[in-house]
N, C-alpha and C. Protein backbone atom coordinates (compact mmCIF):
# COMPACT_ATOMS: atom_id res chain seq x y z
N MET A 1 -25.90 -61.90 10.93
CA MET A 1 -24.84 -61.10 10.12
C MET A 1 -23.58 -62.06 9.90
N ALA A 2 -23.10 -61.82 8.67
CA ALA A 2 -22.06 -62.61 8.11
C ALA A 2 -20.72 -62.20 8.72
N GLY A 3 -19.86 -63.07 8.54
CA GLY A 3 -18.53 -62.89 8.94
C GLY A 3 -17.75 -61.93 8.11
N TRP A 4 -16.43 -61.58 8.59
CA TRP A 4 -15.67 -60.61 7.86
C TRP A 4 -14.18 -60.81 8.23
N TYR A 5 -13.29 -60.24 7.45
CA TYR A 5 -11.91 -60.26 7.75
C TYR A 5 -11.53 -58.68 8.34
N GLU A 6 -10.69 -58.80 9.17
CA GLU A 6 -10.41 -57.44 9.75
C GLU A 6 -8.81 -57.43 9.53
N LEU A 7 -8.37 -56.20 8.82
CA LEU A 7 -7.04 -56.04 8.42
C LEU A 7 -6.40 -54.91 9.26
N SER A 8 -5.42 -55.18 9.87
CA SER A 8 -4.71 -54.16 10.80
C SER A 8 -3.22 -54.15 10.66
N LYS A 9 -2.64 -52.98 11.06
CA LYS A 9 -1.21 -52.73 10.98
C LYS A 9 -0.80 -52.66 12.46
N SER A 10 0.41 -53.34 12.66
CA SER A 10 0.96 -53.40 14.10
C SER A 10 1.72 -52.30 14.40
N SER A 11 2.20 -52.08 15.47
CA SER A 11 2.88 -50.89 15.83
C SER A 11 4.27 -50.88 15.08
N ASP A 12 4.81 -52.07 14.63
CA ASP A 12 6.18 -52.10 13.92
C ASP A 12 5.96 -52.07 12.44
N GLY A 13 4.70 -51.75 11.95
CA GLY A 13 4.40 -51.49 10.66
C GLY A 13 4.07 -52.78 9.77
N GLN A 14 3.89 -53.78 10.45
CA GLN A 14 3.55 -55.02 9.69
C GLN A 14 2.05 -55.23 9.70
N PHE A 15 1.41 -56.08 8.78
CA PHE A 15 0.11 -56.22 8.75
C PHE A 15 -0.42 -57.68 9.10
N ARG A 16 -1.46 -57.88 9.52
CA ARG A 16 -2.10 -59.18 9.92
C ARG A 16 -3.56 -59.00 9.46
N PHE A 17 -4.20 -60.21 9.56
CA PHE A 17 -5.60 -60.26 9.40
C PHE A 17 -6.14 -61.24 10.35
N VAL A 18 -7.42 -61.03 10.78
CA VAL A 18 -8.21 -62.02 11.46
C VAL A 18 -9.53 -62.17 10.83
N LEU A 19 -10.01 -63.52 10.91
CA LEU A 19 -11.41 -63.82 10.41
C LEU A 19 -12.26 -63.68 11.64
N LYS A 20 -13.29 -62.92 11.52
CA LYS A 20 -14.39 -62.86 12.63
C LYS A 20 -15.62 -63.38 12.21
N ASP A 21 -16.38 -64.02 13.05
CA ASP A 21 -17.69 -64.41 12.84
C ASP A 21 -18.66 -63.35 12.82
N GLY A 22 -20.03 -63.50 12.66
CA GLY A 22 -20.98 -62.50 12.59
C GLY A 22 -21.25 -61.82 13.85
N THR A 23 -20.83 -62.28 15.04
CA THR A 23 -20.93 -61.66 16.37
C THR A 23 -19.53 -60.85 16.62
N GLY A 24 -18.52 -61.05 15.90
CA GLY A 24 -17.34 -60.24 16.17
C GLY A 24 -16.19 -61.19 16.84
N ASP A 25 -16.51 -62.30 16.96
CA ASP A 25 -15.44 -63.41 17.72
C ASP A 25 -14.41 -63.77 16.80
N THR A 26 -13.33 -63.77 17.20
CA THR A 26 -12.15 -64.04 16.29
C THR A 26 -12.09 -65.75 16.20
N LEU A 27 -12.03 -66.01 14.88
CA LEU A 27 -11.93 -67.46 14.52
C LEU A 27 -10.48 -67.82 14.03
N LEU A 28 -9.81 -66.96 13.28
CA LEU A 28 -8.56 -67.31 12.84
C LEU A 28 -7.75 -66.06 12.80
N THR A 29 -6.42 -66.29 13.04
CA THR A 29 -5.44 -64.94 13.14
C THR A 29 -4.40 -65.49 12.29
N SER A 30 -3.87 -64.57 11.50
CA SER A 30 -2.63 -64.76 10.63
C SER A 30 -1.44 -64.49 11.16
N GLU A 31 -0.32 -64.83 10.50
CA GLU A 31 0.87 -64.37 10.81
C GLU A 31 1.09 -62.87 10.57
N LEU A 32 2.28 -62.25 11.01
CA LEU A 32 2.49 -60.97 10.59
C LEU A 32 3.12 -60.76 9.18
N TYR A 33 2.77 -59.88 8.44
CA TYR A 33 3.26 -59.85 7.03
C TYR A 33 3.88 -58.37 6.88
N LYS A 34 5.04 -58.36 6.17
CA LYS A 34 5.79 -57.09 5.95
C LYS A 34 4.93 -56.08 5.06
N ALA A 35 4.28 -56.65 3.99
CA ALA A 35 3.45 -55.91 3.11
C ALA A 35 2.05 -56.10 3.21
N ARG A 36 1.30 -55.07 3.05
CA ARG A 36 -0.07 -55.10 3.07
C ARG A 36 -0.65 -55.95 1.93
N SER A 37 -0.09 -56.05 0.67
CA SER A 37 -0.49 -56.99 -0.24
C SER A 37 -0.30 -58.42 0.11
N SER A 38 0.68 -58.68 0.90
CA SER A 38 0.88 -60.15 1.20
C SER A 38 -0.33 -60.76 2.29
N ALA A 39 -0.61 -59.61 3.12
CA ALA A 39 -1.87 -59.95 3.98
C ALA A 39 -3.12 -60.13 3.27
N GLU A 40 -3.32 -59.38 2.15
CA GLU A 40 -4.43 -59.35 1.35
C GLU A 40 -4.44 -60.71 0.49
N GLN A 41 -3.28 -61.27 0.16
CA GLN A 41 -3.08 -62.47 -0.49
C GLN A 41 -3.48 -63.58 0.66
N GLY A 42 -3.12 -63.45 1.85
CA GLY A 42 -3.51 -64.36 2.97
C GLY A 42 -5.04 -64.52 3.07
N VAL A 43 -5.58 -63.45 2.96
CA VAL A 43 -7.12 -63.32 3.07
C VAL A 43 -7.67 -64.22 1.84
N ALA A 44 -7.11 -63.92 0.60
CA ALA A 44 -7.63 -64.70 -0.61
C ALA A 44 -7.26 -66.18 -0.41
N SER A 45 -6.17 -66.42 0.24
CA SER A 45 -5.92 -67.89 0.42
C SER A 45 -6.95 -68.45 1.40
N VAL A 46 -7.25 -67.81 2.47
CA VAL A 46 -8.28 -68.53 3.35
C VAL A 46 -9.63 -68.65 2.60
N GLN A 47 -9.98 -67.64 1.76
CA GLN A 47 -11.30 -67.68 1.04
C GLN A 47 -11.20 -68.91 0.06
N ALA A 48 -10.00 -69.30 -0.46
CA ALA A 48 -10.06 -70.46 -1.33
C ALA A 48 -9.81 -71.79 -0.67
N ASN A 49 -9.25 -71.75 0.52
CA ASN A 49 -9.01 -73.00 1.25
C ASN A 49 -9.96 -73.51 2.47
N SER A 50 -10.57 -72.46 2.91
CA SER A 50 -11.42 -72.60 4.17
C SER A 50 -12.54 -73.67 4.06
N LEU A 51 -13.00 -74.09 2.87
CA LEU A 51 -13.91 -75.08 2.71
C LEU A 51 -13.49 -76.52 2.54
N LEU A 52 -12.11 -76.62 2.49
CA LEU A 52 -11.53 -77.99 2.27
C LEU A 52 -11.06 -78.67 3.56
N ASP A 53 -11.69 -79.57 4.04
CA ASP A 53 -11.33 -80.26 5.30
C ASP A 53 -9.91 -80.56 5.36
N GLU A 54 -9.31 -81.09 4.32
CA GLU A 54 -7.90 -81.69 4.24
C GLU A 54 -7.00 -80.52 4.49
N ARG A 55 -7.33 -79.11 4.47
CA ARG A 55 -6.53 -77.93 4.75
C ARG A 55 -6.28 -77.76 6.20
N TYR A 56 -7.07 -78.35 7.13
CA TYR A 56 -7.07 -78.11 8.50
C TYR A 56 -6.19 -79.13 9.19
N GLU A 57 -5.20 -78.56 9.87
CA GLU A 57 -4.27 -79.32 10.73
C GLU A 57 -4.81 -79.30 12.09
N ARG A 58 -5.15 -80.41 12.72
CA ARG A 58 -5.72 -80.47 13.98
C ARG A 58 -4.47 -80.80 15.05
N LYS A 59 -4.40 -79.96 15.95
CA LYS A 59 -3.12 -80.22 16.82
C LYS A 59 -3.49 -80.00 18.24
N THR A 60 -2.57 -80.50 19.15
CA THR A 60 -2.74 -80.26 20.53
C THR A 60 -1.57 -79.75 21.11
N ALA A 61 -1.74 -78.65 21.87
CA ALA A 61 -0.44 -77.91 22.36
C ALA A 61 0.05 -78.64 23.63
N SER A 62 1.34 -78.27 23.91
CA SER A 62 2.00 -78.96 25.00
C SER A 62 1.17 -78.87 26.30
N ASN A 63 0.28 -77.87 26.36
CA ASN A 63 -0.62 -77.65 27.69
C ASN A 63 -1.95 -78.64 27.71
N GLY A 64 -2.02 -79.34 26.51
CA GLY A 64 -3.18 -80.27 26.35
C GLY A 64 -4.38 -79.61 25.74
N LYS A 65 -4.13 -78.26 25.36
CA LYS A 65 -5.33 -77.65 24.76
C LYS A 65 -5.30 -78.04 23.08
N ALA A 66 -6.45 -77.96 22.58
CA ALA A 66 -6.62 -78.30 21.11
C ALA A 66 -6.65 -76.99 20.45
N PHE A 67 -6.15 -77.03 19.22
CA PHE A 67 -6.16 -75.83 18.21
C PHE A 67 -6.02 -76.32 16.79
N PHE A 68 -6.10 -75.41 15.87
CA PHE A 68 -5.83 -75.90 14.45
C PHE A 68 -5.20 -74.86 13.69
N ASN A 69 -4.53 -75.32 12.64
CA ASN A 69 -3.93 -74.23 11.62
C ASN A 69 -4.74 -74.59 10.38
N LEU A 70 -5.05 -73.51 9.61
CA LEU A 70 -5.47 -73.69 8.18
C LEU A 70 -4.35 -73.49 7.24
N LYS A 71 -4.19 -74.44 6.42
CA LYS A 71 -2.90 -74.48 5.46
C LYS A 71 -3.46 -74.29 3.92
N ALA A 72 -2.69 -73.72 3.28
CA ALA A 72 -2.79 -73.60 1.87
C ALA A 72 -2.26 -74.86 1.08
N ALA A 73 -2.52 -75.11 -0.16
CA ALA A 73 -2.13 -76.18 -0.88
C ALA A 73 -0.55 -76.54 -0.91
N ASN A 74 0.17 -75.50 -0.67
CA ASN A 74 1.54 -75.71 -0.56
C ASN A 74 2.03 -75.96 0.94
N HIS A 75 1.01 -76.24 1.64
CA HIS A 75 1.32 -76.62 3.22
C HIS A 75 1.81 -75.43 4.10
N GLN A 76 1.79 -74.20 3.56
CA GLN A 76 2.14 -73.05 4.44
C GLN A 76 0.92 -72.68 5.34
N VAL A 77 1.15 -72.43 6.59
CA VAL A 77 0.00 -72.03 7.51
C VAL A 77 -0.39 -70.64 6.95
N ILE A 78 -1.78 -70.50 6.89
CA ILE A 78 -2.42 -69.32 6.48
C ILE A 78 -2.82 -68.58 7.80
N GLY A 79 -3.43 -69.48 8.72
CA GLY A 79 -3.98 -68.81 9.97
C GLY A 79 -4.05 -69.97 10.94
N THR A 80 -4.16 -69.41 12.25
CA THR A 80 -4.05 -70.17 13.47
C THR A 80 -5.43 -69.97 14.45
N SER A 81 -5.84 -70.89 14.84
CA SER A 81 -7.03 -70.69 15.75
C SER A 81 -6.58 -70.29 17.22
N GLN A 82 -7.59 -69.92 18.12
CA GLN A 82 -7.31 -69.86 19.47
C GLN A 82 -7.07 -71.29 20.02
N MET A 83 -6.78 -71.37 21.33
CA MET A 83 -6.85 -72.58 22.09
C MET A 83 -8.20 -73.14 22.52
N TYR A 84 -8.37 -74.35 22.62
CA TYR A 84 -9.74 -74.66 23.10
C TYR A 84 -9.55 -75.86 24.15
N ALA A 85 -10.58 -75.78 25.16
CA ALA A 85 -10.41 -76.83 26.24
C ALA A 85 -10.73 -78.20 25.75
N THR A 86 -11.42 -78.32 24.59
CA THR A 86 -11.95 -79.67 23.97
C THR A 86 -11.79 -79.74 22.53
N GLU A 87 -11.56 -81.01 22.11
CA GLU A 87 -11.61 -81.27 20.58
C GLU A 87 -12.81 -80.85 20.02
N ALA A 88 -13.98 -81.05 20.80
CA ALA A 88 -15.27 -80.74 20.14
C ALA A 88 -15.44 -79.32 19.96
N ALA A 89 -14.91 -78.42 20.72
CA ALA A 89 -14.84 -76.99 20.72
C ALA A 89 -14.06 -76.58 19.37
N ARG A 90 -12.89 -77.29 19.24
CA ARG A 90 -12.07 -77.07 18.05
C ARG A 90 -12.84 -77.34 16.83
N GLU A 91 -13.62 -78.45 16.91
CA GLU A 91 -14.13 -78.99 15.62
C GLU A 91 -15.41 -77.90 15.35
N ALA A 92 -16.09 -77.40 16.39
CA ALA A 92 -17.04 -76.37 16.14
C ALA A 92 -16.59 -75.00 15.53
N ASP A 93 -15.51 -74.63 15.87
CA ASP A 93 -14.84 -73.53 15.13
C ASP A 93 -14.33 -73.75 13.81
N ILE A 94 -13.85 -75.01 13.61
CA ILE A 94 -13.50 -75.53 12.19
C ILE A 94 -14.69 -75.17 11.34
N ALA A 95 -15.82 -75.59 11.80
CA ALA A 95 -17.20 -75.51 11.07
C ALA A 95 -17.54 -74.11 10.77
N ARG A 96 -17.22 -73.30 11.82
CA ARG A 96 -17.50 -71.86 11.71
C ARG A 96 -16.63 -71.22 10.74
N VAL A 97 -15.27 -71.60 10.61
CA VAL A 97 -14.41 -70.99 9.52
C VAL A 97 -14.74 -71.35 8.23
N LYS A 98 -15.34 -72.65 8.13
CA LYS A 98 -15.89 -73.11 6.82
C LYS A 98 -17.02 -72.20 6.41
N ALA A 99 -17.75 -72.01 7.34
CA ALA A 99 -19.03 -71.27 7.06
C ALA A 99 -18.69 -69.69 6.73
N GLU A 100 -17.86 -69.20 7.45
CA GLU A 100 -17.42 -67.72 7.31
C GLU A 100 -16.30 -67.41 6.33
N GLY A 101 -15.46 -68.43 6.09
CA GLY A 101 -14.19 -68.18 5.38
C GLY A 101 -14.42 -67.58 3.91
N ALA A 102 -15.38 -67.88 3.34
CA ALA A 102 -15.74 -67.25 2.00
C ALA A 102 -15.99 -65.82 1.87
N SER A 103 -16.26 -65.15 2.93
CA SER A 103 -16.57 -63.75 3.08
C SER A 103 -15.67 -62.76 2.32
N LYS A 104 -16.30 -62.00 1.60
CA LYS A 104 -15.48 -60.91 0.83
C LYS A 104 -15.47 -59.66 1.49
N THR A 105 -15.88 -59.65 2.70
CA THR A 105 -15.92 -58.22 3.46
C THR A 105 -14.57 -58.22 4.28
N VAL A 106 -13.80 -57.13 3.80
CA VAL A 106 -12.69 -56.80 4.61
C VAL A 106 -12.80 -55.41 5.25
N LYS A 107 -12.65 -55.39 6.44
CA LYS A 107 -12.75 -54.08 7.32
C LYS A 107 -11.24 -53.70 7.74
N GLU A 108 -11.05 -52.35 7.66
CA GLU A 108 -9.79 -51.81 8.22
C GLU A 108 -9.78 -51.56 9.61
N LYS A 109 -8.97 -51.95 10.24
CA LYS A 109 -8.87 -51.62 11.82
C LYS A 109 -7.72 -50.60 11.95
N THR A 110 -8.17 -49.43 12.46
CA THR A 110 -7.13 -48.33 12.45
C THR A 110 -6.90 -48.02 13.84
């Protein structure tokens, strides 16, 4: 099963998307957007940028856990990963985002 984007509305009326893999695991989470159209543009940005290795900012949190940000060409963060115990786990999920990011499937979460 291929990955998909899940678009949802928060309790305060803002929108966010997550990129999920074929098993439903979350790979990437967006910021909150005031407008649905902005969240949809974020999905399009992931679709356009996810294959480009230079768009991944590999980071280490203050607690020592690895994570990454996917950035657009203008250096704005499009989405952020979960925290990983190892750099190898982070790299594995970057590979998964590259594989699933081009998905055109967007599901509504209500």
